[in-house]
Amino acid sequence: MAITATEEGRNLLIVVEDDEQRFEYRIRPLPGGAGHQITETYLATARGELHDEAAVTEALTMALNGARYDAATERWTIPDDLPVSEQLERELRLAETESVAYCAFYWQTIVGIAGVNAFLEGGEGVAGQVKALWVMTARMGLSTSRPSPLSALDTLTSMVSTPSTSSRAGGEKRGKQPRDRPAKKRR
């Protein structure tokens, strides 16, 4: 099945089709605050700061179905009715559902249709996510000088401190000094 996505007015039209079937999903835009919240959830996950699968699922579901503001928690939440995600579950395979959800997600973030196109051009799945992540980090000014899409993930992960695994200069061991060695003669 092929997946395409185009802007249609203020909505995103996602089409999943093959020779025999065609499924269309219209995704309405989220309010800016909800888009910001799902973007922050995604970036926190990419940086390794958030290890909450439910939060990521909630962000993807909001991207598909919209969001409502909960004044008690001061956060955007999933609406009570879930028309698009329930429709996806009835009509598509899991991989196709994931691709539609990520198209909706990137469209709802700051990168909009450029993120959707990057995801689709990257081949969907993990490769598409890396390409869309690069577009997002470049758009947000997090990594504008790096040439590789993989460096977008490097930029985000470098924000998390990790222990150094590099060896000392010259490969010497602690407490030992390098010996001066005479240069080898060439024959």
N, C-alpha and C. Protein backbone atom coordinates (compact mmCIF):
# COMPACT_ATOMS: atom_id res chain seq x y z
N MET A 1 0.84 -1.18 0.00
CA MET A 1 0.00 0.00 0.00
C MET A 1 0.88 1.24 0.00
N ALA A 2 0.44 2.24 -0.72
CA ALA A 2 1.14 3.52 -0.77
C ALA A 2 0.41 4.52 0.12
N ILE A 3 1.19 5.35 0.78
CA ILE A 3 0.62 6.39 1.64
C ILE A 3 1.05 7.74 1.10
N THR A 4 0.07 8.62 0.92
CA THR A 4 0.35 10.00 0.50
C THR A 4 -0.36 10.93 1.48
N ALA A 5 0.18 12.13 1.58
CA ALA A 5 -0.42 13.12 2.47
C ALA A 5 -0.34 14.50 1.80
N THR A 6 -1.45 15.22 1.83
CA THR A 6 -1.51 16.57 1.27
C THR A 6 -2.33 17.46 2.18
N GLU A 7 -1.98 18.74 2.17
CA GLU A 7 -2.79 19.70 2.91
C GLU A 7 -4.05 19.98 2.09
N GLU A 8 -5.16 20.00 2.77
CA GLU A 8 -6.44 20.29 2.14
C GLU A 8 -7.11 21.36 3.00
N GLY A 9 -6.90 22.62 2.61
CA GLY A 9 -7.37 23.71 3.48
C GLY A 9 -6.55 23.71 4.76
N ARG A 10 -7.22 23.67 5.90
CA ARG A 10 -6.53 23.61 7.19
C ARG A 10 -6.31 22.18 7.65
N ASN A 11 -6.81 21.22 6.90
CA ASN A 11 -6.72 19.81 7.28
C ASN A 11 -5.60 19.11 6.53
N LEU A 12 -5.22 17.95 7.03
CA LEU A 12 -4.28 17.08 6.34
C LEU A 12 -5.08 15.88 5.83
N LEU A 13 -4.96 15.61 4.54
CA LEU A 13 -5.60 14.44 3.95
C LEU A 13 -4.54 13.37 3.76
N ILE A 14 -4.73 12.23 4.44
CA ILE A 14 -3.82 11.09 4.32
C ILE A 14 -4.57 10.00 3.57
N VAL A 15 -3.96 9.50 2.50
CA VAL A 15 -4.58 8.46 1.68
C VAL A 15 -3.70 7.23 1.72
N VAL A 16 -4.30 6.10 2.04
CA VAL A 16 -3.63 4.80 2.02
C VAL A 16 -4.35 4.00 0.94
N GLU A 17 -3.58 3.57 -0.09
CA GLU A 17 -4.25 2.85 -1.18
C GLU A 17 -3.33 1.85 -1.86
N ASP A 18 -3.98 0.89 -2.49
CA ASP A 18 -3.32 -0.05 -3.39
C ASP A 18 -4.25 -0.22 -4.59
N ASP A 19 -4.06 -1.24 -5.37
CA ASP A 19 -4.88 -1.44 -6.57
C ASP A 19 -6.34 -1.71 -6.26
N GLU A 20 -6.62 -2.25 -5.09
CA GLU A 20 -7.98 -2.67 -4.76
C GLU A 20 -8.70 -1.80 -3.74
N GLN A 21 -7.97 -1.14 -2.86
CA GLN A 21 -8.60 -0.40 -1.77
C GLN A 21 -8.02 1.00 -1.65
N ARG A 22 -8.84 1.89 -1.11
CA ARG A 22 -8.41 3.27 -0.84
C ARG A 22 -9.08 3.72 0.46
N PHE A 23 -8.25 4.21 1.40
CA PHE A 23 -8.75 4.72 2.67
C PHE A 23 -8.29 6.17 2.80
N GLU A 24 -9.20 7.05 3.18
CA GLU A 24 -8.87 8.47 3.37
C GLU A 24 -9.11 8.86 4.82
N TYR A 25 -8.18 9.64 5.35
CA TYR A 25 -8.29 10.14 6.72
C TYR A 25 -8.03 11.64 6.70
N ARG A 26 -8.98 12.41 7.21
CA ARG A 26 -8.82 13.86 7.32
C ARG A 26 -8.48 14.19 8.76
N ILE A 27 -7.35 14.84 8.93
CA ILE A 27 -6.87 15.19 10.27
C ILE A 27 -7.04 16.69 10.46
N ARG A 28 -7.79 17.06 11.48
CA ARG A 28 -8.00 18.48 11.78
C ARG A 28 -6.82 19.01 12.60
N PRO A 29 -6.52 20.30 12.48
CA PRO A 29 -5.38 20.84 13.24
C PRO A 29 -5.65 20.91 14.73
N LEU A 30 -4.59 20.68 15.49
CA LEU A 30 -4.65 20.83 16.95
C LEU A 30 -4.49 22.31 17.31
N PRO A 31 -5.01 22.72 18.46
CA PRO A 31 -4.67 24.05 18.97
C PRO A 31 -3.16 24.13 19.22
N GLY A 32 -2.59 25.32 19.10
CA GLY A 32 -1.14 25.49 19.24
C GLY A 32 -0.56 24.91 20.52
N GLY A 33 -1.26 25.09 21.63
CA GLY A 33 -0.77 24.57 22.91
C GLY A 33 -0.67 23.05 22.91
N ALA A 34 -1.63 22.39 22.29
CA ALA A 34 -1.60 20.93 22.21
C ALA A 34 -0.47 20.47 21.29
N GLY A 35 -0.28 21.19 20.17
CA GLY A 35 0.83 20.87 19.26
C GLY A 35 2.17 21.02 19.96
N HIS A 36 2.31 22.07 20.77
CA HIS A 36 3.54 22.28 21.54
C HIS A 36 3.76 21.13 22.53
N GLN A 37 2.69 20.72 23.20
CA GLN A 37 2.80 19.65 24.19
C GLN A 37 3.24 18.34 23.55
N ILE A 38 2.67 17.96 22.40
CA ILE A 38 3.06 16.69 21.79
C ILE A 38 4.46 16.77 21.22
N THR A 39 4.88 17.96 20.76
CA THR A 39 6.25 18.14 20.29
C THR A 39 7.23 17.95 21.44
N GLU A 40 6.95 18.55 22.57
CA GLU A 40 7.81 18.41 23.75
C GLU A 40 7.89 16.95 24.21
N THR A 41 6.78 16.25 24.16
CA THR A 41 6.78 14.82 24.53
C THR A 41 7.70 14.04 23.60
N TYR A 42 7.59 14.30 22.32
CA TYR A 42 8.41 13.61 21.32
C TYR A 42 9.90 13.90 21.52
N LEU A 43 10.24 15.18 21.70
CA LEU A 43 11.65 15.54 21.87
C LEU A 43 12.22 14.98 23.17
N ALA A 44 11.43 14.99 24.24
CA ALA A 44 11.90 14.41 25.51
C ALA A 44 12.16 12.92 25.35
N THR A 45 11.35 12.25 24.57
CA THR A 45 11.56 10.83 24.31
C THR A 45 12.81 10.61 23.47
N ALA A 46 12.99 11.44 22.43
CA ALA A 46 14.17 11.32 21.56
C ALA A 46 15.46 11.58 22.33
N ARG A 47 15.42 12.49 23.30
CA ARG A 47 16.60 12.80 24.10
C ARG A 47 16.85 11.77 25.19
N GLY A 48 15.91 10.86 25.40
CA GLY A 48 16.05 9.85 26.44
C GLY A 48 15.65 10.33 27.81
N GLU A 49 14.98 11.47 27.88
CA GLU A 49 14.54 12.01 29.17
C GLU A 49 13.21 11.43 29.60
N LEU A 50 12.43 10.92 28.67
CA LEU A 50 11.11 10.40 28.96
C LEU A 50 11.04 8.96 28.47
N HIS A 51 10.68 8.07 29.37
CA HIS A 51 10.57 6.65 29.03
C HIS A 51 9.15 6.19 29.34
N ASP A 52 8.18 6.93 28.81
CA ASP A 52 6.77 6.67 29.10
C ASP A 52 6.04 6.39 27.80
N GLU A 53 5.88 5.11 27.49
CA GLU A 53 5.22 4.70 26.24
C GLU A 53 3.80 5.24 26.17
N ALA A 54 3.12 5.33 27.32
CA ALA A 54 1.75 5.84 27.34
C ALA A 54 1.71 7.31 26.92
N ALA A 55 2.72 8.09 27.29
CA ALA A 55 2.76 9.51 26.91
C ALA A 55 2.93 9.66 25.40
N VAL A 56 3.75 8.80 24.81
CA VAL A 56 3.95 8.85 23.36
C VAL A 56 2.68 8.41 22.64
N THR A 57 2.05 7.36 23.13
CA THR A 57 0.78 6.90 22.54
C THR A 57 -0.27 8.00 22.65
N GLU A 58 -0.32 8.66 23.79
CA GLU A 58 -1.27 9.77 23.98
C GLU A 58 -0.99 10.89 22.97
N ALA A 59 0.28 11.21 22.75
CA ALA A 59 0.64 12.27 21.80
C ALA A 59 0.20 11.90 20.38
N LEU A 60 0.44 10.66 19.99
CA LEU A 60 0.03 10.20 18.65
C LEU A 60 -1.49 10.19 18.52
N THR A 61 -2.17 9.77 19.57
CA THR A 61 -3.63 9.74 19.53
C THR A 61 -4.21 11.15 19.44
N MET A 62 -3.62 12.09 20.17
CA MET A 62 -4.07 13.49 20.07
C MET A 62 -3.84 14.03 18.66
N ALA A 63 -2.72 13.66 18.05
CA ALA A 63 -2.45 14.13 16.69
C ALA A 63 -3.52 13.63 15.73
N LEU A 64 -4.01 12.44 15.93
CA LEU A 64 -5.04 11.87 15.07
C LEU A 64 -6.44 12.39 15.37
N ASN A 65 -6.78 12.49 16.65
CA ASN A 65 -8.17 12.73 17.06
C ASN A 65 -8.46 14.11 17.61
N GLY A 66 -7.43 14.92 17.78
CA GLY A 66 -7.64 16.21 18.42
C GLY A 66 -7.36 16.11 19.90
N ALA A 67 -7.51 17.21 20.59
CA ALA A 67 -7.22 17.24 22.02
C ALA A 67 -8.19 18.19 22.71
N ARG A 68 -8.36 17.97 24.00
CA ARG A 68 -9.16 18.90 24.80
C ARG A 68 -8.32 19.33 25.98
N TYR A 69 -8.54 20.56 26.42
CA TYR A 69 -7.76 21.10 27.53
C TYR A 69 -8.41 20.70 28.85
N ASP A 70 -7.61 20.17 29.76
CA ASP A 70 -8.08 19.79 31.09
C ASP A 70 -7.58 20.84 32.07
N ALA A 71 -8.47 21.69 32.51
CA ALA A 71 -8.09 22.80 33.41
C ALA A 71 -7.54 22.29 34.74
N ALA A 72 -8.00 21.14 35.20
CA ALA A 72 -7.54 20.59 36.48
C ALA A 72 -6.06 20.23 36.43
N THR A 73 -5.61 19.64 35.31
CA THR A 73 -4.20 19.24 35.19
C THR A 73 -3.38 20.26 34.41
N GLU A 74 -4.06 21.21 33.80
CA GLU A 74 -3.43 22.23 32.95
C GLU A 74 -2.63 21.59 31.82
N ARG A 75 -3.19 20.51 31.26
CA ARG A 75 -2.56 19.81 30.14
C ARG A 75 -3.62 19.45 29.12
N TRP A 76 -3.16 19.23 27.91
CA TRP A 76 -4.05 18.74 26.85
C TRP A 76 -4.16 17.24 26.98
N THR A 77 -5.36 16.71 26.75
CA THR A 77 -5.59 15.28 26.89
C THR A 77 -6.35 14.76 25.66
N ILE A 78 -6.46 13.45 25.61
CA ILE A 78 -7.19 12.79 24.52
C ILE A 78 -8.68 13.07 24.70
N PRO A 79 -9.37 13.41 23.61
CA PRO A 79 -10.82 13.61 23.72
C PRO A 79 -11.54 12.29 24.01
N ASP A 80 -12.77 12.39 24.45
CA ASP A 80 -13.53 11.18 24.80
C ASP A 80 -13.86 10.33 23.59
N ASP A 81 -14.14 10.95 22.44
CA ASP A 81 -14.45 10.17 21.25
C ASP A 81 -13.18 10.02 20.41
N LEU A 82 -12.97 8.85 19.87
CA LEU A 82 -11.76 8.55 19.12
C LEU A 82 -12.10 8.06 17.71
N PRO A 83 -12.69 8.91 16.89
CA PRO A 83 -13.16 8.42 15.59
C PRO A 83 -12.05 7.98 14.64
N VAL A 84 -10.97 8.74 14.51
CA VAL A 84 -9.95 8.40 13.53
C VAL A 84 -9.17 7.17 13.96
N SER A 85 -8.70 7.12 15.21
CA SER A 85 -7.90 5.98 15.63
C SER A 85 -8.71 4.69 15.64
N GLU A 86 -9.99 4.75 15.98
CA GLU A 86 -10.82 3.55 15.91
C GLU A 86 -11.01 3.11 14.46
N GLN A 87 -11.16 4.06 13.56
CA GLN A 87 -11.29 3.75 12.14
C GLN A 87 -10.01 3.08 11.62
N LEU A 88 -8.85 3.61 12.02
CA LEU A 88 -7.58 3.02 11.61
C LEU A 88 -7.48 1.57 12.04
N GLU A 89 -7.86 1.30 13.29
CA GLU A 89 -7.77 -0.06 13.83
C GLU A 89 -8.64 -1.04 13.04
N ARG A 90 -9.77 -0.56 12.52
CA ARG A 90 -10.67 -1.44 11.76
C ARG A 90 -10.21 -1.66 10.33
N GLU A 91 -9.46 -0.70 9.76
CA GLU A 91 -9.19 -0.73 8.33
C GLU A 91 -7.75 -1.08 7.93
N LEU A 92 -6.79 -0.81 8.79
CA LEU A 92 -5.39 -0.92 8.36
C LEU A 92 -4.59 -1.93 9.17
N ARG A 93 -3.48 -2.38 8.57
CA ARG A 93 -2.51 -3.19 9.30
C ARG A 93 -1.79 -2.30 10.30
N LEU A 94 -1.11 -2.89 11.25
CA LEU A 94 -0.43 -2.13 12.29
C LEU A 94 0.61 -1.17 11.72
N ALA A 95 1.44 -1.62 10.78
CA ALA A 95 2.48 -0.76 10.20
C ALA A 95 1.85 0.43 9.46
N GLU A 96 0.75 0.19 8.78
CA GLU A 96 0.06 1.28 8.08
C GLU A 96 -0.54 2.27 9.08
N THR A 97 -1.11 1.74 10.15
CA THR A 97 -1.67 2.60 11.20
C THR A 97 -0.59 3.48 11.79
N GLU A 98 0.58 2.90 12.05
CA GLU A 98 1.69 3.67 12.59
C GLU A 98 2.12 4.77 11.62
N SER A 99 2.18 4.47 10.34
CA SER A 99 2.58 5.48 9.35
C SER A 99 1.57 6.62 9.29
N VAL A 100 0.29 6.31 9.33
CA VAL A 100 -0.74 7.35 9.33
C VAL A 100 -0.62 8.20 10.59
N ALA A 101 -0.42 7.55 11.73
CA ALA A 101 -0.30 8.27 12.99
C ALA A 101 0.90 9.22 12.98
N TYR A 102 2.05 8.77 12.46
CA TYR A 102 3.22 9.64 12.41
C TYR A 102 3.04 10.77 11.40
N CYS A 103 2.35 10.52 10.30
CA CYS A 103 2.05 11.62 9.37
C CYS A 103 1.22 12.69 10.10
N ALA A 104 0.19 12.25 10.81
CA ALA A 104 -0.65 13.19 11.56
C ALA A 104 0.18 13.91 12.62
N PHE A 105 1.04 13.16 13.30
CA PHE A 105 1.86 13.75 14.36
C PHE A 105 2.76 14.86 13.83
N TYR A 106 3.55 14.57 12.79
CA TYR A 106 4.47 15.58 12.29
C TYR A 106 3.72 16.80 11.76
N TRP A 107 2.57 16.57 11.16
CA TRP A 107 1.78 17.68 10.65
C TRP A 107 1.29 18.58 11.78
N GLN A 108 1.02 18.00 12.95
CA GLN A 108 0.52 18.77 14.09
C GLN A 108 1.63 19.53 14.82
N THR A 109 2.89 19.22 14.52
CA THR A 109 4.00 19.89 15.19
C THR A 109 4.45 21.11 14.39
N ILE A 110 5.52 21.73 14.82
CA ILE A 110 6.04 22.94 14.20
C ILE A 110 6.50 22.72 12.75
N VAL A 111 6.82 21.50 12.37
CA VAL A 111 7.33 21.25 11.02
C VAL A 111 6.24 21.07 9.98
N GLY A 112 5.03 20.78 10.41
CA GLY A 112 3.91 20.69 9.49
C GLY A 112 4.13 19.73 8.34
N ILE A 113 3.73 20.15 7.15
CA ILE A 113 3.78 19.28 5.97
C ILE A 113 5.22 18.92 5.61
N ALA A 114 6.19 19.76 5.94
CA ALA A 114 7.60 19.43 5.67
C ALA A 114 8.02 18.20 6.47
N GLY A 115 7.56 18.08 7.70
CA GLY A 115 7.86 16.90 8.51
C GLY A 115 7.18 15.65 7.97
N VAL A 116 5.95 15.82 7.50
CA VAL A 116 5.22 14.69 6.91
C VAL A 116 5.96 14.20 5.67
N ASN A 117 6.33 15.15 4.79
CA ASN A 117 7.04 14.78 3.57
C ASN A 117 8.37 14.11 3.88
N ALA A 118 9.10 14.61 4.87
CA ALA A 118 10.38 14.01 5.25
C ALA A 118 10.16 12.58 5.74
N PHE A 119 9.13 12.37 6.55
CA PHE A 119 8.82 11.04 7.05
C PHE A 119 8.51 10.08 5.91
N LEU A 120 7.68 10.51 4.97
CA LEU A 120 7.31 9.64 3.84
C LEU A 120 8.48 9.43 2.90
N GLU A 121 9.24 10.49 2.59
CA GLU A 121 10.40 10.36 1.70
C GLU A 121 11.50 9.51 2.33
N GLY A 122 11.57 9.51 3.66
CA GLY A 122 12.56 8.71 4.37
C GLY A 122 12.21 7.23 4.39
N GLY A 123 11.05 6.88 3.86
CA GLY A 123 10.66 5.47 3.80
C GLY A 123 9.78 5.03 4.95
N GLU A 124 9.22 6.01 5.70
CA GLU A 124 8.37 5.72 6.85
C GLU A 124 9.17 4.99 7.92
N GLY A 125 8.54 4.35 8.86
CA GLY A 125 9.23 3.61 9.91
C GLY A 125 10.33 4.42 10.60
N VAL A 126 11.33 3.74 11.08
CA VAL A 126 12.43 4.38 11.82
C VAL A 126 13.21 5.34 10.92
N ALA A 127 13.49 4.93 9.69
CA ALA A 127 14.25 5.80 8.77
C ALA A 127 13.49 7.10 8.51
N GLY A 128 12.20 7.00 8.33
CA GLY A 128 11.39 8.20 8.13
C GLY A 128 11.35 9.08 9.36
N GLN A 129 11.31 8.45 10.54
CA GLN A 129 11.31 9.21 11.79
C GLN A 129 12.61 9.97 11.97
N VAL A 130 13.73 9.35 11.62
CA VAL A 130 15.03 10.03 11.73
C VAL A 130 15.06 11.24 10.80
N LYS A 131 14.59 11.07 9.58
CA LYS A 131 14.60 12.18 8.62
C LYS A 131 13.68 13.31 9.10
N ALA A 132 12.51 12.97 9.61
CA ALA A 132 11.59 13.99 10.11
C ALA A 132 12.15 14.65 11.37
N LEU A 133 12.86 13.89 12.20
CA LEU A 133 13.49 14.45 13.39
C LEU A 133 14.54 15.48 12.99
N TRP A 134 15.29 15.21 11.94
CA TRP A 134 16.28 16.17 11.45
C TRP A 134 15.58 17.46 11.02
N VAL A 135 14.48 17.35 10.30
CA VAL A 135 13.73 18.53 9.87
C VAL A 135 13.26 19.31 11.09
N MET A 136 12.78 18.60 12.10
CA MET A 136 12.28 19.26 13.32
C MET A 136 13.41 19.98 14.06
N THR A 137 14.54 19.31 14.25
CA THR A 137 15.62 19.96 14.99
C THR A 137 16.19 21.14 14.21
N ALA A 138 16.28 21.02 12.90
CA ALA A 138 16.75 22.15 12.09
C ALA A 138 15.77 23.31 12.16
N ARG A 139 14.49 23.02 12.10
CA ARG A 139 13.46 24.07 12.15
C ARG A 139 13.46 24.78 13.48
N MET A 140 13.76 24.05 14.54
CA MET A 140 13.78 24.64 15.88
C MET A 140 15.13 25.28 16.20
N GLY A 141 16.06 25.20 15.26
CA GLY A 141 17.36 25.82 15.47
C GLY A 141 18.27 25.04 16.39
N LEU A 142 17.98 23.78 16.59
CA LEU A 142 18.81 22.96 17.48
C LEU A 142 20.07 22.46 16.80
N SER A 143 20.03 22.30 15.47
CA SER A 143 21.17 21.76 14.76
C SER A 143 21.12 22.22 13.32
N THR A 144 21.56 23.43 13.04
CA THR A 144 21.46 23.94 11.68
C THR A 144 22.73 23.72 10.87
N SER A 145 23.84 23.36 11.49
CA SER A 145 25.10 23.26 10.75
C SER A 145 25.50 21.83 10.42
N ARG A 146 24.74 20.86 10.82
CA ARG A 146 25.12 19.47 10.60
C ARG A 146 24.55 18.97 9.27
N PRO A 147 25.34 18.24 8.49
CA PRO A 147 24.88 17.81 7.19
C PRO A 147 24.07 16.52 7.16
N SER A 148 24.14 15.69 8.17
CA SER A 148 23.54 14.36 8.12
C SER A 148 22.24 14.30 8.91
N PRO A 149 21.20 13.62 8.38
CA PRO A 149 19.98 13.45 9.15
C PRO A 149 20.22 12.71 10.47
N LEU A 150 21.19 11.80 10.51
CA LEU A 150 21.48 11.09 11.75
C LEU A 150 22.02 12.03 12.81
N SER A 151 22.64 13.14 12.39
CA SER A 151 23.19 14.06 13.37
C SER A 151 22.10 14.78 14.14
N ALA A 152 20.87 14.79 13.63
CA ALA A 152 19.78 15.38 14.39
C ALA A 152 19.56 14.60 15.67
N LEU A 153 19.59 13.28 15.56
CA LEU A 153 19.47 12.45 16.74
C LEU A 153 20.69 12.62 17.64
N ASP A 154 21.88 12.75 17.03
CA ASP A 154 23.09 13.01 17.80
C ASP A 154 22.95 14.30 18.61
N THR A 155 22.40 15.33 17.98
CA THR A 155 22.24 16.62 18.66
C THR A 155 21.35 16.46 19.87
N LEU A 156 20.22 15.78 19.70
CA LEU A 156 19.30 15.62 20.81
C LEU A 156 19.89 14.74 21.90
N THR A 157 20.55 13.66 21.51
CA THR A 157 21.10 12.78 22.53
C THR A 157 22.31 13.39 23.22
N SER A 158 22.99 14.33 22.55
CA SER A 158 24.13 14.98 23.20
C SER A 158 23.69 15.90 24.34
N MET A 159 22.41 16.22 24.37
CA MET A 159 21.89 17.05 25.45
C MET A 159 21.80 16.26 26.75
N VAL A 160 21.88 14.95 26.64
CA VAL A 160 21.86 14.07 27.80
C VAL A 160 23.30 13.70 28.12
N SER A 161 23.73 13.86 29.37
CA SER A 161 25.12 13.56 29.69
C SER A 161 25.37 12.06 29.68
N THR A 162 26.46 11.67 29.06
CA THR A 162 26.85 10.26 29.03
C THR A 162 28.32 10.17 29.40
N PRO A 163 28.70 9.08 30.06
CA PRO A 163 30.11 8.93 30.43
C PRO A 163 30.98 8.76 29.18
N SER A 164 32.18 9.26 29.24
CA SER A 164 33.11 9.15 28.13
C SER A 164 33.66 7.73 28.05
N THR A 165 33.77 7.22 26.85
CA THR A 165 34.34 5.89 26.65
C THR A 165 35.63 5.98 25.83
N SER A 166 36.10 7.19 25.61
CA SER A 166 37.31 7.34 24.79
C SER A 166 38.55 6.98 25.59
N SER A 167 39.58 6.54 24.89
CA SER A 167 40.84 6.20 25.55
C SER A 167 41.71 7.45 25.64
N ARG A 168 42.73 7.36 26.42
CA ARG A 168 43.64 8.49 26.59
C ARG A 168 44.44 8.69 25.31
N ALA A 169 44.99 9.87 25.15
CA ALA A 169 45.79 10.18 23.96
C ALA A 169 46.92 9.18 23.79
N GLY A 170 47.10 8.71 22.59
CA GLY A 170 48.18 7.77 22.31
C GLY A 170 47.89 6.37 22.79
N GLY A 171 46.74 6.14 23.41
CA GLY A 171 46.36 4.81 23.85
C GLY A 171 47.10 4.34 25.08
N GLU A 172 47.82 5.26 25.76
CA GLU A 172 48.59 4.81 26.92
C GLU A 172 47.67 4.53 28.09
N LYS A 173 48.16 3.74 29.01
CA LYS A 173 47.41 3.40 30.21
C LYS A 173 47.75 4.39 31.30
N ARG A 174 46.83 4.54 32.22
CA ARG A 174 47.06 5.45 33.35
C ARG A 174 48.29 5.02 34.13
N GLY A 175 49.08 6.00 34.55
CA GLY A 175 50.24 5.73 35.37
C GLY A 175 51.48 5.36 34.58
N LYS A 176 51.37 5.14 33.32
CA LYS A 176 52.53 4.80 32.51
C LYS A 176 52.81 5.94 31.56
N GLN A 177 54.05 6.23 31.37
CA GLN A 177 54.46 7.29 30.45
C GLN A 177 54.91 6.68 29.14
N PRO A 178 54.61 7.33 28.03
CA PRO A 178 55.08 6.78 26.76
C PRO A 178 56.60 6.89 26.68
N ARG A 179 57.23 5.89 26.07
CA ARG A 179 58.68 5.90 25.92
C ARG A 179 59.03 6.58 24.61
N ASP A 180 60.16 7.26 24.64
CA ASP A 180 60.67 7.81 23.39
C ASP A 180 61.27 6.67 22.60
N ARG A 181 60.82 6.52 21.41
CA ARG A 181 61.33 5.45 20.56
C ARG A 181 62.04 6.07 19.39
N PRO A 182 63.18 5.50 19.05
CA PRO A 182 63.86 6.03 17.87
C PRO A 182 63.06 5.72 16.63
N ALA A 183 63.14 6.61 15.67
CA ALA A 183 62.42 6.42 14.41
C ALA A 183 63.00 5.23 13.67
N LYS A 184 62.16 4.45 13.05
CA LYS A 184 62.62 3.31 12.28
C LYS A 184 63.24 3.81 10.98
N LYS A 185 64.30 3.14 10.64
CA LYS A 185 64.98 3.50 9.38
C LYS A 185 64.27 2.84 8.23
N ARG A 186 64.13 3.59 7.16
CA ARG A 186 63.54 3.04 5.95
C ARG A 186 64.58 2.35 5.13
N ARG A 187 64.23 1.28 4.53
CA ARG A 187 65.18 0.54 3.69
C ARG A 187 65.03 0.87 2.26
